[in-house]
Amino acid sequence: MEKVVELVRHNQTKRWSFFEGILSDRTIGMMEALDGFGYFTTGLSFLAVSMVLFLRAWYVFAVAVGDDPVLAVLGLVHDLLLVIILLELFRTTINFLKTKVITLEPFLYICVIASTRRILTTGAQVSYMGELTDLIFNRYLMDLGANVLVVVVLIIAVYFSRRTAPPAMIWRSEHSSSH
């Protein structure tokens, strides 16, 4: 048994010995800096894309509101929910850069928003269809039911993640997302 453990230790050491000269503290520090730069630029990209989408959503709304106000409002809500998703990703990136911890909760919120967005979009499409067949209506109901179920499951997941998370993590995530 001791020979097997010794052999495993020797193989692991031998496998990583190739990287000994390359993986110095300085190299790892540079890799961590590049990783941080990647998160930083990704966060800025989320912010830039959300600002462009926000402006585009209001422009499209202003142009379309005269033709069909209800459809224009639904389109605006759809686009603004996408902006919220992108801003939540931006906020998650900022929190990671500050704490070096990725938490599950923001992604659960993003999924709830995305499912709600899908519910609204599908509902708007069905309500504006000229001819609604039984097949299309049944597909709509199945899609609606699946998305409602996803929202309920995600809300339960948020509840359990908050309930099982240490109090310091809950406090940090609540206060960091409100700034």
C-alpha atoms as a PDB file:
ATOM      1  CA  MET A   1       0.000   0.000   0.000  1.00  0.00           C
ATOM      2  CA  GLU A   2       2.802   2.401   0.896  1.00  0.00           C
ATOM      3  CA  LYS A   3       4.494   1.715  -2.460  1.00  0.00           C
ATOM      4  CA  VAL A   4       1.296   2.632  -4.316  1.00  0.00           C
ATOM      5  CA  VAL A   5       0.979   5.918  -2.401  1.00  0.00           C
ATOM      6  CA  GLU A   6       4.668   6.654  -2.986  1.00  0.00           C
ATOM      7  CA  LEU A   7       4.292   5.900  -6.705  1.00  0.00           C
ATOM      8  CA  VAL A   8       1.257   8.202  -7.000  1.00  0.00           C
ATOM      9  CA  ARG A   9       3.105  11.005  -5.204  1.00  0.00           C
ATOM     10  CA  HIS A  10       6.154  10.522  -7.423  1.00  0.00           C
ATOM     11  CA  ASN A  11       4.065  10.607 -10.631  1.00  0.00           C
ATOM     12  CA  GLN A  12       2.240  13.756  -9.546  1.00  0.00           C
ATOM     13  CA  THR A  13       5.490  15.493  -8.701  1.00  0.00           C
ATOM     14  CA  LYS A  14       7.082  14.382 -11.933  1.00  0.00           C
ATOM     15  CA  ARG A  15       4.091  15.535 -13.975  1.00  0.00           C
ATOM     16  CA  TRP A  16       4.275  19.084 -12.620  1.00  0.00           C
ATOM     17  CA  SER A  17       8.056  19.341 -12.629  1.00  0.00           C
ATOM     18  CA  PHE A  18       7.931  20.425 -16.281  1.00  0.00           C
ATOM     19  CA  PHE A  19       6.208  23.647 -15.190  1.00  0.00           C
ATOM     20  CA  GLU A  20       8.572  24.459 -12.311  1.00  0.00           C
ATOM     21  CA  GLY A  21      10.642  26.952 -14.268  1.00  0.00           C
ATOM     22  CA  ILE A  22       7.641  28.477 -16.009  1.00  0.00           C
ATOM     23  CA  LEU A  23       5.134  28.806 -13.155  1.00  0.00           C
ATOM     24  CA  SER A  24       6.904  31.243 -10.897  1.00  0.00           C
ATOM     25  CA  ASP A  25       5.050  33.625  -8.612  1.00  0.00           C
ATOM     26  CA  ARG A  26       5.645  36.380 -11.123  1.00  0.00           C
ATOM     27  CA  THR A  27       4.131  34.360 -13.994  1.00  0.00           C
ATOM     28  CA  ILE A  28       1.102  33.388 -11.924  1.00  0.00           C
ATOM     29  CA  GLY A  29       0.699  37.009 -10.849  1.00  0.00           C
ATOM     30  CA  MET A  30       0.771  38.099 -14.493  1.00  0.00           C
ATOM     31  CA  MET A  31      -1.809  35.432 -15.383  1.00  0.00           C
ATOM     32  CA  GLU A  32      -4.055  36.634 -12.553  1.00  0.00           C
ATOM     33  CA  ALA A  33      -3.688  40.223 -13.767  1.00  0.00           C
ATOM     34  CA  LEU A  34      -4.678  39.173 -17.291  1.00  0.00           C
ATOM     35  CA  ASP A  35      -7.637  37.267 -15.862  1.00  0.00           C
ATOM     36  CA  GLY A  36      -8.714  40.393 -13.975  1.00  0.00           C
ATOM     37  CA  PHE A  37      -8.284  42.468 -17.134  1.00  0.00           C
ATOM     38  CA  GLY A  38     -10.497  39.980 -18.973  1.00  0.00           C
ATOM     39  CA  TYR A  39     -13.232  40.343 -16.358  1.00  0.00           C
ATOM     40  CA  PHE A  40     -12.810  44.130 -16.392  1.00  0.00           C
ATOM     41  CA  THR A  41     -13.183  44.403 -20.174  1.00  0.00           C
ATOM     42  CA  THR A  42     -16.080  41.947 -20.184  1.00  0.00           C
ATOM     43  CA  GLY A  43     -17.835  44.022 -17.521  1.00  0.00           C
ATOM     44  CA  LEU A  44     -17.311  47.195 -19.542  1.00  0.00           C
ATOM     45  CA  SER A  45     -18.663  45.394 -22.599  1.00  0.00           C
ATOM     46  CA  PHE A  46     -21.826  44.387 -20.704  1.00  0.00           C
ATOM     47  CA  LEU A  47     -22.275  48.020 -19.666  1.00  0.00           C
ATOM     48  CA  ALA A  48     -21.670  49.411 -23.170  1.00  0.00           C
ATOM     49  CA  VAL A  49     -23.991  46.919 -24.841  1.00  0.00           C
ATOM     50  CA  SER A  50     -26.719  47.576 -22.279  1.00  0.00           C
ATOM     51  CA  MET A  51     -26.479  51.357 -22.820  1.00  0.00           C
ATOM     52  CA  VAL A  52     -26.664  50.951 -26.605  1.00  0.00           C
ATOM     53  CA  LEU A  53     -29.607  48.555 -26.291  1.00  0.00           C
ATOM     54  CA  PHE A  54     -31.348  50.946 -23.881  1.00  0.00           C
ATOM     55  CA  LEU A  55     -31.063  53.833 -26.337  1.00  0.00           C
ATOM     56  CA  ARG A  56     -32.121  51.630 -29.260  1.00  0.00           C
ATOM     57  CA  ALA A  57     -35.154  50.334 -27.311  1.00  0.00           C
ATOM     58  CA  TRP A  58     -36.411  53.854 -26.660  1.00  0.00           C
ATOM     59  CA  TYR A  59     -35.753  54.878 -30.274  1.00  0.00           C
ATOM     60  CA  VAL A  60     -37.696  51.889 -31.627  1.00  0.00           C
ATOM     61  CA  PHE A  61     -40.476  52.614 -29.131  1.00  0.00           C
ATOM     62  CA  ALA A  62     -40.701  56.273 -30.180  1.00  0.00           C
ATOM     63  CA  VAL A  63     -40.888  55.303 -33.852  1.00  0.00           C
ATOM     64  CA  ALA A  64     -43.416  52.462 -33.374  1.00  0.00           C
ATOM     65  CA  VAL A  65     -45.726  53.895 -30.702  1.00  0.00           C
ATOM     66  CA  GLY A  66     -47.809  55.772 -33.274  1.00  0.00           C
ATOM     67  CA  ASP A  67     -48.563  52.658 -35.340  1.00  0.00           C
ATOM     68  CA  ASP A  68     -49.376  50.203 -32.566  1.00  0.00           C
ATOM     69  CA  PRO A  69     -48.951  51.462 -28.983  1.00  0.00           C
ATOM     70  CA  VAL A  70     -49.525  48.077 -27.324  1.00  0.00           C
ATOM     71  CA  LEU A  71     -46.961  46.300 -29.487  1.00  0.00           C
ATOM     72  CA  ALA A  72     -44.514  49.181 -29.004  1.00  0.00           C
ATOM     73  CA  VAL A  73     -44.867  48.967 -25.209  1.00  0.00           C
ATOM     74  CA  LEU A  74     -44.412  45.194 -25.245  1.00  0.00           C
ATOM     75  CA  GLY A  75     -41.294  45.576 -27.388  1.00  0.00           C
ATOM     76  CA  LEU A  76     -39.937  48.211 -25.021  1.00  0.00           C
ATOM     77  CA  VAL A  77     -40.553  46.025 -21.962  1.00  0.00           C
ATOM     78  CA  HIS A  78     -38.896  43.091 -23.750  1.00  0.00           C
ATOM     79  CA  ASP A  79     -35.802  45.162 -24.566  1.00  0.00           C
ATOM     80  CA  LEU A  80     -35.625  46.753 -21.108  1.00  0.00           C
ATOM     81  CA  LEU A  81     -35.699  43.320 -19.489  1.00  0.00           C
ATOM     82  CA  LEU A  82     -32.707  42.392 -21.651  1.00  0.00           C
ATOM     83  CA  VAL A  83     -30.978  45.578 -20.453  1.00  0.00           C
ATOM     84  CA  ILE A  84     -31.645  44.493 -16.856  1.00  0.00           C
ATOM     85  CA  ILE A  85     -30.125  41.086 -17.597  1.00  0.00           C
ATOM     86  CA  LEU A  86     -26.999  42.718 -19.043  1.00  0.00           C
ATOM     87  CA  LEU A  87     -26.727  45.132 -16.107  1.00  0.00           C
ATOM     88  CA  GLU A  88     -27.066  42.233 -13.673  1.00  0.00           C
ATOM     89  CA  LEU A  89     -24.183  40.509 -15.473  1.00  0.00           C
ATOM     90  CA  PHE A  90     -22.227  43.788 -15.224  1.00  0.00           C
ATOM     91  CA  ARG A  91     -22.963  43.987 -11.478  1.00  0.00           C
ATOM     92  CA  THR A  92     -21.942  40.334 -11.034  1.00  0.00           C
ATOM     93  CA  THR A  93     -18.650  41.057 -12.801  1.00  0.00           C
ATOM     94  CA  ILE A  94     -18.004  44.051 -10.526  1.00  0.00           C
ATOM     95  CA  ASN A  95     -18.765  41.971  -7.437  1.00  0.00           C
ATOM     96  CA  PHE A  96     -16.361  39.274  -8.636  1.00  0.00           C
ATOM     97  CA  LEU A  97     -13.595  41.832  -9.205  1.00  0.00           C
ATOM     98  CA  LYS A  98     -14.161  43.212  -5.680  1.00  0.00           C
ATOM     99  CA  THR A  99     -14.553  39.944  -3.791  1.00  0.00           C
ATOM    100  CA  LYS A 100     -13.012  37.279  -6.086  1.00  0.00           C
ATOM    101  CA  VAL A 101     -16.127  35.207  -5.326  1.00  0.00           C
ATOM    102  CA  ILE A 102     -18.795  34.246  -7.838  1.00  0.00           C
ATOM    103  CA  THR A 103     -22.163  33.774  -6.186  1.00  0.00           C
ATOM    104  CA  LEU A 104     -25.079  31.773  -7.503  1.00  0.00           C
ATOM    105  CA  GLU A 105     -27.855  34.210  -6.649  1.00  0.00           C
ATOM    106  CA  PRO A 106     -27.332  36.798  -9.436  1.00  0.00           C
ATOM    107  CA  PHE A 107     -27.502  34.046 -12.033  1.00  0.00           C
ATOM    108  CA  LEU A 108     -30.765  32.811 -10.536  1.00  0.00           C
ATOM    109  CA  TYR A 109     -32.154  36.347 -10.842  1.00  0.00           C
ATOM    110  CA  ILE A 110     -30.981  36.540 -14.445  1.00  0.00           C
ATOM    111  CA  CYS A 111     -32.762  33.289 -15.228  1.00  0.00           C
ATOM    112  CA  VAL A 112     -35.976  34.525 -13.584  1.00  0.00           C
ATOM    113  CA  ILE A 113     -35.828  37.703 -15.670  1.00  0.00           C
ATOM    114  CA  ALA A 114     -35.092  35.719 -18.843  1.00  0.00           C
ATOM    115  CA  SER A 115     -38.038  33.382 -18.222  1.00  0.00           C
ATOM    116  CA  THR A 116     -40.324  36.325 -17.490  1.00  0.00           C
ATOM    117  CA  ARG A 117     -39.123  37.953 -20.683  1.00  0.00           C
ATOM    118  CA  ARG A 118     -39.960  34.776 -22.601  1.00  0.00           C
ATOM    119  CA  ILE A 119     -43.441  34.639 -21.039  1.00  0.00           C
ATOM    120  CA  LEU A 120     -44.135  38.227 -22.096  1.00  0.00           C
ATOM    121  CA  THR A 121     -42.745  37.743 -25.597  1.00  0.00           C
ATOM    122  CA  THR A 122     -44.707  34.577 -26.255  1.00  0.00           C
ATOM    123  CA  GLY A 123     -47.866  36.125 -24.860  1.00  0.00           C
ATOM    124  CA  ALA A 124     -47.460  39.148 -27.104  1.00  0.00           C
ATOM    125  CA  GLN A 125     -46.869  36.984 -30.169  1.00  0.00           C
ATOM    126  CA  VAL A 126     -49.967  34.880 -29.516  1.00  0.00           C
ATOM    127  CA  SER A 127     -52.183  37.863 -28.797  1.00  0.00           C
ATOM    128  CA  TYR A 128     -51.257  39.452 -32.137  1.00  0.00           C
ATOM    129  CA  MET A 129     -51.697  36.363 -34.288  1.00  0.00           C
ATOM    130  CA  GLY A 130     -54.374  36.606 -36.910  1.00  0.00           C
ATOM    131  CA  GLU A 131     -55.431  32.993 -36.810  1.00  0.00           C
ATOM    132  CA  LEU A 132     -54.827  30.974 -33.674  1.00  0.00           C
ATOM    133  CA  THR A 133     -55.057  27.232 -34.276  1.00  0.00           C
ATOM    134  CA  ASP A 134     -55.443  24.650 -31.536  1.00  0.00           C
ATOM    135  CA  LEU A 135     -51.909  23.407 -32.194  1.00  0.00           C
ATOM    136  CA  ILE A 136     -50.374  26.885 -31.784  1.00  0.00           C
ATOM    137  CA  PHE A 137     -52.474  27.566 -28.685  1.00  0.00           C
ATOM    138  CA  ASN A 138     -51.431  24.238 -27.095  1.00  0.00           C
ATOM    139  CA  ARG A 139     -47.769  24.969 -27.835  1.00  0.00           C
ATOM    140  CA  TYR A 140     -48.199  28.406 -26.284  1.00  0.00           C
ATOM    141  CA  LEU A 141     -49.731  26.896 -23.146  1.00  0.00           C
ATOM    142  CA  MET A 142     -46.925  24.347 -22.870  1.00  0.00           C
ATOM    143  CA  ASP A 143     -44.289  27.056 -23.330  1.00  0.00           C
ATOM    144  CA  LEU A 144     -46.047  29.287 -20.813  1.00  0.00           C
ATOM    145  CA  GLY A 145     -46.367  26.433 -18.313  1.00  0.00           C
ATOM    146  CA  ALA A 146     -42.722  25.450 -18.693  1.00  0.00           C
ATOM    147  CA  ASN A 147     -41.527  29.020 -18.173  1.00  0.00           C
ATOM    148  CA  VAL A 148     -43.797  29.544 -15.156  1.00  0.00           C
ATOM    149  CA  LEU A 149     -42.473  26.295 -13.693  1.00  0.00           C
ATOM    150  CA  VAL A 150     -38.898  27.478 -14.312  1.00  0.00           C
ATOM    151  CA  VAL A 151     -39.633  30.778 -12.526  1.00  0.00           C
ATOM    152  CA  VAL A 152     -41.144  28.963  -9.529  1.00  0.00           C
ATOM    153  CA  VAL A 153     -38.203  26.541  -9.312  1.00  0.00           C
ATOM    154  CA  LEU A 154     -35.714  29.411  -9.557  1.00  0.00           C
ATOM    155  CA  ILE A 155     -37.486  31.386  -6.834  1.00  0.00           C
ATOM    156  CA  ILE A 156     -37.357  28.300  -4.607  1.00  0.00           C
ATOM    157  CA  ALA A 157     -33.643  28.009  -5.459  1.00  0.00           C
ATOM    158  CA  VAL A 158     -33.107  31.656  -4.440  1.00  0.00           C
ATOM    159  CA  TYR A 159     -34.901  30.964  -1.162  1.00  0.00           C
ATOM    160  CA  PHE A 160     -32.761  27.906  -0.409  1.00  0.00           C
ATOM    161  CA  SER A 161     -29.521  29.588  -1.482  1.00  0.00           C
ATOM    162  CA  ARG A 162     -30.231  32.463   0.892  1.00  0.00           C
ATOM    163  CA  ARG A 163     -31.278  30.100   3.647  1.00  0.00           C
ATOM    164  CA  THR A 164     -28.152  27.941   3.403  1.00  0.00           C
ATOM    165  CA  ALA A 165     -25.641  30.729   2.708  1.00  0.00           C
ATOM    166  CA  PRO A 166     -23.612  32.030   5.643  1.00  0.00           C
ATOM    167  CA  PRO A 167     -25.025  35.328   6.995  1.00  0.00           C
ATOM    168  CA  ALA A 168     -21.922  37.311   5.974  1.00  0.00           C
ATOM    169  CA  MET A 169     -22.311  36.229   2.331  1.00  0.00           C
ATOM    170  CA  ILE A 170     -25.989  37.207   2.263  1.00  0.00           C
ATOM    171  CA  TRP A 171     -25.209  40.592   3.799  1.00  0.00           C
ATOM    172  CA  ARG A 172     -22.362  41.230   1.339  1.00  0.00           C
ATOM    173  CA  SER A 173     -24.422  40.275  -1.720  1.00  0.00           C
ATOM    174  CA  GLU A 174     -27.416  42.379  -0.627  1.00  0.00           C
ATOM    175  CA  HIS A 175     -25.370  45.472   0.115  1.00  0.00           C
ATOM    176  CA  SER A 176     -23.035  45.237  -2.833  1.00  0.00           C
ATOM    177  CA  SER A 177     -25.902  44.946  -5.332  1.00  0.00           C
ATOM    178  CA  SER A 178     -27.675  48.011  -3.905  1.00  0.00           C
ATOM    179  CA  HIS A 179     -24.794  50.375  -4.713  1.00  0.00           C
END
